[in-house]
Amino acid sequence: MTAKDAIKRAFDTNYWVLNQYLSDLSDADLLVRPVPGANHIAWQLGHLIVSEVRLMNEVPGPKPELPAGFEAQHSKETAGAEPAKGFKTKAEYLALLGKVRESTLARLAALPDADLDRPSNGPVAQFAPTLGAVFMLTANHQLMHAGQFTVVRRKLGKPVVF
């Protein structure tokens, strides 16, 4: 297995887990906060999408376009807004995440193996010092948020997935 194979496997596995946690949630369920002030799943999905696009700015390749206002809707300033309004449906989030992910995996496939060791730039370099680390951070970021979805699932009385 190559480094790129391992990175792709992390993306695929973490995406599968995220989808398992979302599988039986309704659009309304995505707006439930586990506790007051915590981020709801809809905001977190948007945050994951925006973050992936931003993180992939470190890697050569075409940048997928986000819908107008999408980034602002999923900013830190809107995370705690009540009532939660203007968020997308689960199907819309998953379609957009799929489009962004396709772009990310195409960038990974096109990147020469040696470039995985190339230094990253800007603030991300503090915690992801190479392009390989940027890809791993991006893959694992969704798993971290998927773990937060389990609290909402428990609050809603949904079955344990794993």
N, C-alpha and C. Protein backbone atom coordinates (compact mmCIF):
# COMPACT_ATOMS: atom_id res chain seq x y z
N MET A 1 0.85 -1.18 0.00
CA MET A 1 0.00 0.00 0.00
C MET A 1 0.90 1.24 0.00
N THR A 2 0.58 2.18 -0.85
CA THR A 2 1.34 3.42 -0.91
C THR A 2 0.77 4.44 0.08
N ALA A 3 1.49 5.52 0.28
CA ALA A 3 1.00 6.59 1.16
C ALA A 3 -0.32 7.14 0.62
N LYS A 4 -0.40 7.33 -0.69
CA LYS A 4 -1.64 7.86 -1.28
C LYS A 4 -2.79 6.87 -1.11
N ASP A 5 -2.49 5.57 -1.20
CA ASP A 5 -3.53 4.56 -0.96
C ASP A 5 -4.04 4.65 0.47
N ALA A 6 -3.14 4.82 1.42
CA ALA A 6 -3.53 4.92 2.83
C ALA A 6 -4.36 6.18 3.08
N ILE A 7 -3.97 7.29 2.47
CA ILE A 7 -4.73 8.53 2.63
C ILE A 7 -6.13 8.37 2.05
N LYS A 8 -6.21 7.78 0.85
CA LYS A 8 -7.53 7.56 0.24
C LYS A 8 -8.38 6.65 1.10
N ARG A 9 -7.77 5.63 1.68
CA ARG A 9 -8.51 4.72 2.56
C ARG A 9 -9.06 5.47 3.77
N ALA A 10 -8.28 6.39 4.33
CA ALA A 10 -8.77 7.20 5.46
C ALA A 10 -9.97 8.04 5.03
N PHE A 11 -9.88 8.66 3.86
CA PHE A 11 -11.03 9.43 3.35
C PHE A 11 -12.26 8.54 3.21
N ASP A 12 -12.08 7.39 2.57
CA ASP A 12 -13.21 6.50 2.31
C ASP A 12 -13.83 5.97 3.60
N THR A 13 -13.01 5.53 4.52
CA THR A 13 -13.52 4.98 5.78
C THR A 13 -14.24 6.04 6.60
N ASN A 14 -13.63 7.20 6.72
CA ASN A 14 -14.23 8.26 7.53
C ASN A 14 -15.51 8.78 6.90
N TYR A 15 -15.57 8.83 5.58
CA TYR A 15 -16.78 9.24 4.87
C TYR A 15 -17.89 8.21 5.08
N TRP A 16 -17.53 6.94 5.07
CA TRP A 16 -18.50 5.88 5.32
C TRP A 16 -19.09 6.02 6.73
N VAL A 17 -18.23 6.25 7.73
CA VAL A 17 -18.70 6.42 9.11
C VAL A 17 -19.64 7.62 9.20
N LEU A 18 -19.25 8.73 8.62
CA LEU A 18 -20.09 9.93 8.65
C LEU A 18 -21.47 9.62 8.06
N ASN A 19 -21.49 8.92 6.95
CA ASN A 19 -22.77 8.58 6.31
C ASN A 19 -23.60 7.62 7.15
N GLN A 20 -22.96 6.72 7.87
CA GLN A 20 -23.71 5.81 8.74
C GLN A 20 -24.42 6.59 9.84
N TYR A 21 -23.72 7.57 10.42
CA TYR A 21 -24.33 8.38 11.47
C TYR A 21 -25.46 9.26 10.95
N LEU A 22 -25.41 9.62 9.68
CA LEU A 22 -26.45 10.47 9.09
C LEU A 22 -27.61 9.68 8.50
N SER A 23 -27.43 8.40 8.29
CA SER A 23 -28.34 7.60 7.47
C SER A 23 -29.81 7.70 7.88
N ASP A 24 -30.12 7.73 9.15
CA ASP A 24 -31.52 7.76 9.57
C ASP A 24 -31.93 9.10 10.18
N LEU A 25 -31.15 10.13 9.94
CA LEU A 25 -31.51 11.45 10.45
C LEU A 25 -32.30 12.22 9.40
N SER A 26 -33.30 12.95 9.86
CA SER A 26 -34.10 13.79 8.97
C SER A 26 -33.45 15.16 8.84
N ASP A 27 -33.98 15.96 7.93
CA ASP A 27 -33.49 17.33 7.80
C ASP A 27 -33.68 18.09 9.11
N ALA A 28 -34.80 17.88 9.77
CA ALA A 28 -35.06 18.55 11.05
C ALA A 28 -34.08 18.09 12.12
N ASP A 29 -33.72 16.81 12.10
CA ASP A 29 -32.76 16.29 13.08
C ASP A 29 -31.41 16.99 12.96
N LEU A 30 -31.06 17.42 11.75
CA LEU A 30 -29.76 18.08 11.55
C LEU A 30 -29.68 19.41 12.28
N LEU A 31 -30.81 19.96 12.69
CA LEU A 31 -30.83 21.26 13.38
C LEU A 31 -30.91 21.14 14.90
N VAL A 32 -30.90 19.92 15.41
CA VAL A 32 -30.97 19.70 16.86
C VAL A 32 -29.59 19.93 17.47
N ARG A 33 -29.57 20.71 18.54
CA ARG A 33 -28.31 20.94 19.26
C ARG A 33 -28.27 19.99 20.45
N PRO A 34 -27.13 19.35 20.70
CA PRO A 34 -27.07 18.43 21.84
C PRO A 34 -27.26 19.15 23.17
N VAL A 35 -26.75 20.36 23.25
CA VAL A 35 -26.94 21.24 24.41
C VAL A 35 -26.99 22.67 23.88
N PRO A 36 -27.56 23.58 24.63
CA PRO A 36 -27.60 24.97 24.15
C PRO A 36 -26.19 25.47 23.83
N GLY A 37 -26.09 26.15 22.69
CA GLY A 37 -24.81 26.73 22.29
C GLY A 37 -23.91 25.80 21.51
N ALA A 38 -24.21 24.51 21.49
CA ALA A 38 -23.40 23.56 20.71
C ALA A 38 -23.81 23.63 19.24
N ASN A 39 -22.90 23.27 18.37
CA ASN A 39 -23.19 23.31 16.94
C ASN A 39 -24.10 22.16 16.54
N HIS A 40 -25.10 22.47 15.73
CA HIS A 40 -25.96 21.41 15.20
C HIS A 40 -25.26 20.75 13.99
N ILE A 41 -25.77 19.62 13.58
CA ILE A 41 -25.14 18.84 12.53
C ILE A 41 -25.13 19.57 11.20
N ALA A 42 -26.19 20.30 10.88
CA ALA A 42 -26.23 21.03 9.60
C ALA A 42 -25.06 22.00 9.53
N TRP A 43 -24.85 22.76 10.60
CA TRP A 43 -23.73 23.71 10.59
C TRP A 43 -22.40 22.95 10.46
N GLN A 44 -22.27 21.84 11.18
CA GLN A 44 -21.03 21.07 11.12
C GLN A 44 -20.76 20.51 9.73
N LEU A 45 -21.80 20.06 9.04
CA LEU A 45 -21.61 19.57 7.67
C LEU A 45 -21.11 20.69 6.77
N GLY A 46 -21.72 21.86 6.89
CA GLY A 46 -21.27 23.01 6.11
C GLY A 46 -19.84 23.38 6.45
N HIS A 47 -19.51 23.34 7.73
CA HIS A 47 -18.16 23.63 8.18
C HIS A 47 -17.16 22.64 7.58
N LEU A 48 -17.51 21.36 7.55
CA LEU A 48 -16.63 20.36 6.96
C LEU A 48 -16.39 20.64 5.48
N ILE A 49 -17.43 21.02 4.77
CA ILE A 49 -17.32 21.32 3.34
C ILE A 49 -16.43 22.54 3.12
N VAL A 50 -16.72 23.62 3.85
CA VAL A 50 -15.92 24.85 3.71
C VAL A 50 -14.46 24.57 4.08
N SER A 51 -14.25 23.84 5.16
CA SER A 51 -12.88 23.54 5.60
C SER A 51 -12.13 22.73 4.57
N GLU A 52 -12.80 21.75 3.98
CA GLU A 52 -12.12 20.92 2.98
C GLU A 52 -11.69 21.76 1.78
N VAL A 53 -12.57 22.65 1.32
CA VAL A 53 -12.21 23.53 0.20
C VAL A 53 -11.02 24.40 0.59
N ARG A 54 -11.04 24.96 1.78
CA ARG A 54 -9.94 25.82 2.23
C ARG A 54 -8.63 25.04 2.37
N LEU A 55 -8.69 23.88 3.00
CA LEU A 55 -7.48 23.08 3.19
C LEU A 55 -6.88 22.65 1.85
N MET A 56 -7.73 22.37 0.90
CA MET A 56 -7.22 21.93 -0.40
C MET A 56 -6.66 23.08 -1.22
N ASN A 57 -6.81 24.31 -0.74
CA ASN A 57 -6.14 25.44 -1.39
C ASN A 57 -4.62 25.26 -1.36
N GLU A 58 -4.14 24.43 -0.44
CA GLU A 58 -2.70 24.14 -0.34
C GLU A 58 -2.20 23.26 -1.48
N VAL A 59 -3.12 22.57 -2.15
CA VAL A 59 -2.77 21.56 -3.13
C VAL A 59 -3.17 22.06 -4.53
N PRO A 60 -2.30 21.88 -5.52
CA PRO A 60 -2.65 22.32 -6.87
C PRO A 60 -3.89 21.60 -7.39
N GLY A 61 -4.69 22.34 -8.14
CA GLY A 61 -5.87 21.75 -8.77
C GLY A 61 -7.03 22.72 -8.74
N PRO A 62 -8.06 22.42 -9.53
CA PRO A 62 -9.23 23.31 -9.58
C PRO A 62 -9.99 23.29 -8.26
N LYS A 63 -10.45 24.45 -7.85
CA LYS A 63 -11.19 24.60 -6.60
C LYS A 63 -12.69 24.51 -6.89
N PRO A 64 -13.39 23.61 -6.21
CA PRO A 64 -14.84 23.54 -6.44
C PRO A 64 -15.53 24.81 -5.91
N GLU A 65 -16.56 25.21 -6.61
CA GLU A 65 -17.30 26.40 -6.18
C GLU A 65 -18.38 26.00 -5.18
N LEU A 66 -18.50 26.82 -4.16
CA LEU A 66 -19.57 26.64 -3.18
C LEU A 66 -20.72 27.56 -3.56
N PRO A 67 -21.94 27.19 -3.18
CA PRO A 67 -23.08 28.07 -3.48
C PRO A 67 -22.90 29.45 -2.85
N ALA A 68 -23.47 30.45 -3.47
CA ALA A 68 -23.40 31.82 -2.95
C ALA A 68 -23.89 31.84 -1.51
N GLY A 69 -23.12 32.47 -0.64
CA GLY A 69 -23.49 32.62 0.76
C GLY A 69 -23.21 31.41 1.64
N PHE A 70 -22.77 30.31 1.04
CA PHE A 70 -22.58 29.07 1.80
C PHE A 70 -21.53 29.24 2.89
N GLU A 71 -20.40 29.83 2.52
CA GLU A 71 -19.32 29.99 3.49
C GLU A 71 -19.76 30.86 4.66
N ALA A 72 -20.45 31.96 4.38
CA ALA A 72 -20.93 32.85 5.44
C ALA A 72 -21.96 32.15 6.33
N GLN A 73 -22.82 31.32 5.74
CA GLN A 73 -23.84 30.59 6.50
C GLN A 73 -23.21 29.63 7.50
N HIS A 74 -22.01 29.17 7.21
CA HIS A 74 -21.35 28.17 8.04
C HIS A 74 -20.10 28.72 8.72
N SER A 75 -20.12 30.00 9.03
CA SER A 75 -19.00 30.64 9.70
C SER A 75 -19.16 30.51 11.22
N LYS A 76 -18.11 30.83 11.94
CA LYS A 76 -18.18 30.79 13.41
C LYS A 76 -19.25 31.74 13.93
N GLU A 77 -19.46 32.84 13.21
CA GLU A 77 -20.44 33.84 13.65
C GLU A 77 -21.87 33.32 13.58
N THR A 78 -22.15 32.37 12.71
CA THR A 78 -23.51 31.86 12.56
C THR A 78 -23.75 30.56 13.31
N ALA A 79 -22.71 30.00 13.89
CA ALA A 79 -22.81 28.67 14.52
C ALA A 79 -23.89 28.59 15.59
N GLY A 80 -24.03 29.63 16.39
CA GLY A 80 -24.97 29.58 17.50
C GLY A 80 -26.26 30.33 17.26
N ALA A 81 -26.49 30.79 16.02
CA ALA A 81 -27.69 31.59 15.73
C ALA A 81 -28.96 30.81 16.02
N GLU A 82 -29.88 31.48 16.68
CA GLU A 82 -31.19 30.90 16.98
C GLU A 82 -32.26 31.88 16.52
N PRO A 83 -33.28 31.43 15.84
CA PRO A 83 -33.44 30.04 15.41
C PRO A 83 -32.50 29.73 14.25
N ALA A 84 -32.21 28.46 14.11
CA ALA A 84 -31.34 28.03 13.01
C ALA A 84 -32.17 28.08 11.73
N LYS A 85 -31.78 28.93 10.80
CA LYS A 85 -32.52 29.00 9.54
C LYS A 85 -31.55 29.24 8.39
N GLY A 86 -31.98 28.88 7.20
CA GLY A 86 -31.16 29.06 6.02
C GLY A 86 -30.21 27.91 5.76
N PHE A 87 -30.36 26.81 6.50
CA PHE A 87 -29.47 25.67 6.30
C PHE A 87 -30.04 24.76 5.22
N LYS A 88 -29.18 23.94 4.66
CA LYS A 88 -29.53 23.04 3.56
C LYS A 88 -30.16 21.76 4.08
N THR A 89 -30.66 20.97 3.15
CA THR A 89 -31.18 19.64 3.49
C THR A 89 -30.01 18.66 3.58
N LYS A 90 -30.27 17.53 4.18
CA LYS A 90 -29.24 16.49 4.26
C LYS A 90 -28.78 16.11 2.86
N ALA A 91 -29.71 15.93 1.95
CA ALA A 91 -29.35 15.56 0.57
C ALA A 91 -28.47 16.62 -0.08
N GLU A 92 -28.77 17.88 0.16
CA GLU A 92 -27.96 18.96 -0.42
C GLU A 92 -26.55 18.96 0.16
N TYR A 93 -26.44 18.78 1.48
CA TYR A 93 -25.10 18.73 2.09
C TYR A 93 -24.31 17.55 1.55
N LEU A 94 -24.94 16.39 1.45
CA LEU A 94 -24.21 15.21 1.00
C LEU A 94 -23.81 15.33 -0.47
N ALA A 95 -24.66 15.94 -1.29
CA ALA A 95 -24.31 16.14 -2.70
C ALA A 95 -23.12 17.09 -2.82
N LEU A 96 -23.14 18.17 -2.05
CA LEU A 96 -22.04 19.13 -2.12
C LEU A 96 -20.76 18.54 -1.55
N LEU A 97 -20.87 17.80 -0.45
CA LEU A 97 -19.70 17.14 0.11
C LEU A 97 -19.13 16.14 -0.91
N GLY A 98 -19.99 15.43 -1.61
CA GLY A 98 -19.53 14.49 -2.63
C GLY A 98 -18.77 15.19 -3.74
N LYS A 99 -19.26 16.35 -4.16
CA LYS A 99 -18.60 17.13 -5.22
C LYS A 99 -17.22 17.62 -4.74
N VAL A 100 -17.18 18.13 -3.51
CA VAL A 100 -15.92 18.62 -2.95
C VAL A 100 -14.95 17.45 -2.77
N ARG A 101 -15.46 16.33 -2.28
CA ARG A 101 -14.60 15.16 -2.07
C ARG A 101 -14.03 14.64 -3.38
N GLU A 102 -14.83 14.63 -4.42
CA GLU A 102 -14.35 14.21 -5.74
C GLU A 102 -13.16 15.07 -6.17
N SER A 103 -13.26 16.37 -5.94
CA SER A 103 -12.17 17.29 -6.27
C SER A 103 -10.94 16.98 -5.42
N THR A 104 -11.14 16.74 -4.13
CA THR A 104 -10.03 16.44 -3.23
C THR A 104 -9.32 15.17 -3.65
N LEU A 105 -10.07 14.13 -3.96
CA LEU A 105 -9.45 12.86 -4.35
C LEU A 105 -8.77 12.95 -5.71
N ALA A 106 -9.30 13.79 -6.59
CA ALA A 106 -8.63 14.01 -7.88
C ALA A 106 -7.29 14.72 -7.67
N ARG A 107 -7.26 15.66 -6.74
CA ARG A 107 -6.00 16.34 -6.42
C ARG A 107 -4.99 15.35 -5.84
N LEU A 108 -5.46 14.48 -4.95
CA LEU A 108 -4.57 13.47 -4.37
C LEU A 108 -4.02 12.57 -5.47
N ALA A 109 -4.87 12.11 -6.36
CA ALA A 109 -4.43 11.20 -7.42
C ALA A 109 -3.42 11.87 -8.36
N ALA A 110 -3.60 13.15 -8.62
CA ALA A 110 -2.73 13.87 -9.55
C ALA A 110 -1.41 14.32 -8.93
N LEU A 111 -1.35 14.34 -7.61
CA LEU A 111 -0.16 14.84 -6.92
C LEU A 111 0.97 13.81 -6.99
N PRO A 112 2.14 14.21 -7.43
CA PRO A 112 3.26 13.26 -7.40
C PRO A 112 3.53 12.81 -5.96
N ASP A 113 3.86 11.55 -5.79
CA ASP A 113 4.09 11.00 -4.45
C ASP A 113 5.07 11.83 -3.63
N ALA A 114 6.13 12.30 -4.27
CA ALA A 114 7.15 13.07 -3.56
C ALA A 114 6.59 14.37 -2.98
N ASP A 115 5.51 14.90 -3.60
CA ASP A 115 4.93 16.16 -3.11
C ASP A 115 4.17 16.00 -1.80
N LEU A 116 3.90 14.78 -1.38
CA LEU A 116 3.27 14.59 -0.07
C LEU A 116 4.17 15.11 1.04
N ASP A 117 5.47 15.13 0.79
CA ASP A 117 6.44 15.65 1.77
C ASP A 117 6.71 17.14 1.60
N ARG A 118 6.11 17.75 0.61
CA ARG A 118 6.30 19.18 0.38
C ARG A 118 5.69 19.98 1.52
N PRO A 119 6.38 21.00 2.01
CA PRO A 119 5.83 21.80 3.13
C PRO A 119 4.52 22.50 2.75
N SER A 120 3.60 22.57 3.70
CA SER A 120 2.38 23.35 3.52
C SER A 120 2.69 24.79 3.91
N ASN A 121 1.75 25.68 3.66
CA ASN A 121 1.96 27.10 3.91
C ASN A 121 0.88 27.66 4.84
N GLY A 122 1.12 28.84 5.33
CA GLY A 122 0.12 29.56 6.11
C GLY A 122 -0.16 28.93 7.46
N PRO A 123 -1.30 29.30 8.03
CA PRO A 123 -1.64 28.83 9.39
C PRO A 123 -1.75 27.31 9.51
N VAL A 124 -2.17 26.64 8.44
CA VAL A 124 -2.33 25.19 8.51
C VAL A 124 -1.00 24.49 8.77
N ALA A 125 0.10 25.12 8.39
CA ALA A 125 1.43 24.50 8.54
C ALA A 125 1.77 24.22 10.01
N GLN A 126 1.12 24.92 10.93
CA GLN A 126 1.39 24.70 12.36
C GLN A 126 0.98 23.30 12.81
N PHE A 127 -0.07 22.77 12.21
CA PHE A 127 -0.54 21.45 12.65
C PHE A 127 -0.59 20.43 11.51
N ALA A 128 -0.32 20.88 10.28
CA ALA A 128 -0.21 19.97 9.13
C ALA A 128 0.95 20.49 8.29
N PRO A 129 2.19 20.12 8.67
CA PRO A 129 3.36 20.75 8.07
C PRO A 129 3.69 20.32 6.64
N THR A 130 3.06 19.26 6.14
CA THR A 130 3.31 18.81 4.77
C THR A 130 1.97 18.63 4.05
N LEU A 131 2.03 18.50 2.73
CA LEU A 131 0.80 18.27 1.97
C LEU A 131 0.17 16.94 2.35
N GLY A 132 0.99 15.93 2.62
CA GLY A 132 0.45 14.66 3.10
C GLY A 132 -0.32 14.83 4.40
N ALA A 133 0.23 15.63 5.30
CA ALA A 133 -0.45 15.90 6.57
C ALA A 133 -1.74 16.70 6.35
N VAL A 134 -1.76 17.59 5.36
CA VAL A 134 -2.99 18.34 5.04
C VAL A 134 -4.08 17.37 4.59
N PHE A 135 -3.72 16.43 3.73
CA PHE A 135 -4.71 15.44 3.30
C PHE A 135 -5.22 14.62 4.49
N MET A 136 -4.33 14.17 5.36
CA MET A 136 -4.75 13.38 6.53
C MET A 136 -5.62 14.20 7.47
N LEU A 137 -5.27 15.45 7.69
CA LEU A 137 -6.09 16.33 8.52
C LEU A 137 -7.49 16.45 7.94
N THR A 138 -7.55 16.64 6.64
CA THR A 138 -8.84 16.79 5.97
C THR A 138 -9.68 15.52 6.12
N ALA A 139 -9.08 14.37 5.92
CA ALA A 139 -9.80 13.10 6.06
C ALA A 139 -10.28 12.89 7.49
N ASN A 140 -9.43 13.17 8.45
CA ASN A 140 -9.77 12.91 9.86
C ASN A 140 -10.69 13.97 10.46
N HIS A 141 -10.72 15.16 9.89
CA HIS A 141 -11.59 16.22 10.37
C HIS A 141 -13.05 15.77 10.35
N GLN A 142 -13.44 15.08 9.28
CA GLN A 142 -14.84 14.63 9.20
C GLN A 142 -15.14 13.56 10.25
N LEU A 143 -14.16 12.76 10.60
CA LEU A 143 -14.40 11.74 11.61
C LEU A 143 -14.58 12.37 12.99
N MET A 144 -13.81 13.42 13.26
CA MET A 144 -13.95 14.13 14.54
C MET A 144 -15.38 14.67 14.68
N HIS A 145 -15.88 15.28 13.61
CA HIS A 145 -17.25 15.81 13.68
C HIS A 145 -18.29 14.70 13.72
N ALA A 146 -18.05 13.63 12.99
CA ALA A 146 -18.99 12.50 13.03
C ALA A 146 -19.14 12.00 14.46
N GLY A 147 -18.06 12.02 15.22
CA GLY A 147 -18.14 11.63 16.63
C GLY A 147 -19.07 12.54 17.42
N GLN A 148 -19.12 13.81 17.05
CA GLN A 148 -20.04 14.74 17.72
C GLN A 148 -21.49 14.44 17.35
N PHE A 149 -21.71 13.86 16.18
CA PHE A 149 -23.07 13.54 15.76
C PHE A 149 -23.70 12.50 16.69
N THR A 150 -22.86 11.65 17.31
CA THR A 150 -23.40 10.59 18.15
C THR A 150 -24.16 11.14 19.35
N VAL A 151 -23.75 12.29 19.84
CA VAL A 151 -24.45 12.90 20.98
C VAL A 151 -25.86 13.31 20.57
N VAL A 152 -25.99 13.88 19.39
CA VAL A 152 -27.31 14.24 18.87
C VAL A 152 -28.14 12.99 18.64
N ARG A 153 -27.52 11.96 18.11
CA ARG A 153 -28.24 10.69 17.89
C ARG A 153 -28.80 10.17 19.21
N ARG A 154 -28.00 10.21 20.27
CA ARG A 154 -28.47 9.74 21.58
C ARG A 154 -29.64 10.60 22.08
N LYS A 155 -29.51 11.91 21.92
CA LYS A 155 -30.57 12.83 22.34
C LYS A 155 -31.88 12.53 21.61
N LEU A 156 -31.77 12.16 20.34
CA LEU A 156 -32.96 11.85 19.53
C LEU A 156 -33.48 10.44 19.74
N GLY A 157 -32.77 9.63 20.53
CA GLY A 157 -33.20 8.26 20.77
C GLY A 157 -32.93 7.33 19.59
N LYS A 158 -31.98 7.70 18.75
CA LYS A 158 -31.62 6.86 17.61
C LYS A 158 -30.77 5.68 18.09
N PRO A 159 -30.79 4.58 17.34
CA PRO A 159 -30.00 3.42 17.74
C PRO A 159 -28.50 3.69 17.62
N VAL A 160 -27.73 2.98 18.42
CA VAL A 160 -26.29 3.04 18.34
C VAL A 160 -25.89 2.41 17.00
N VAL A 161 -25.02 3.09 16.27
CA VAL A 161 -24.62 2.61 14.94
C VAL A 161 -23.48 1.63 15.04
N PHE A 162 -22.51 1.89 15.91
CA PHE A 162 -21.36 1.01 16.05
C PHE A 162 -21.23 0.55 17.48
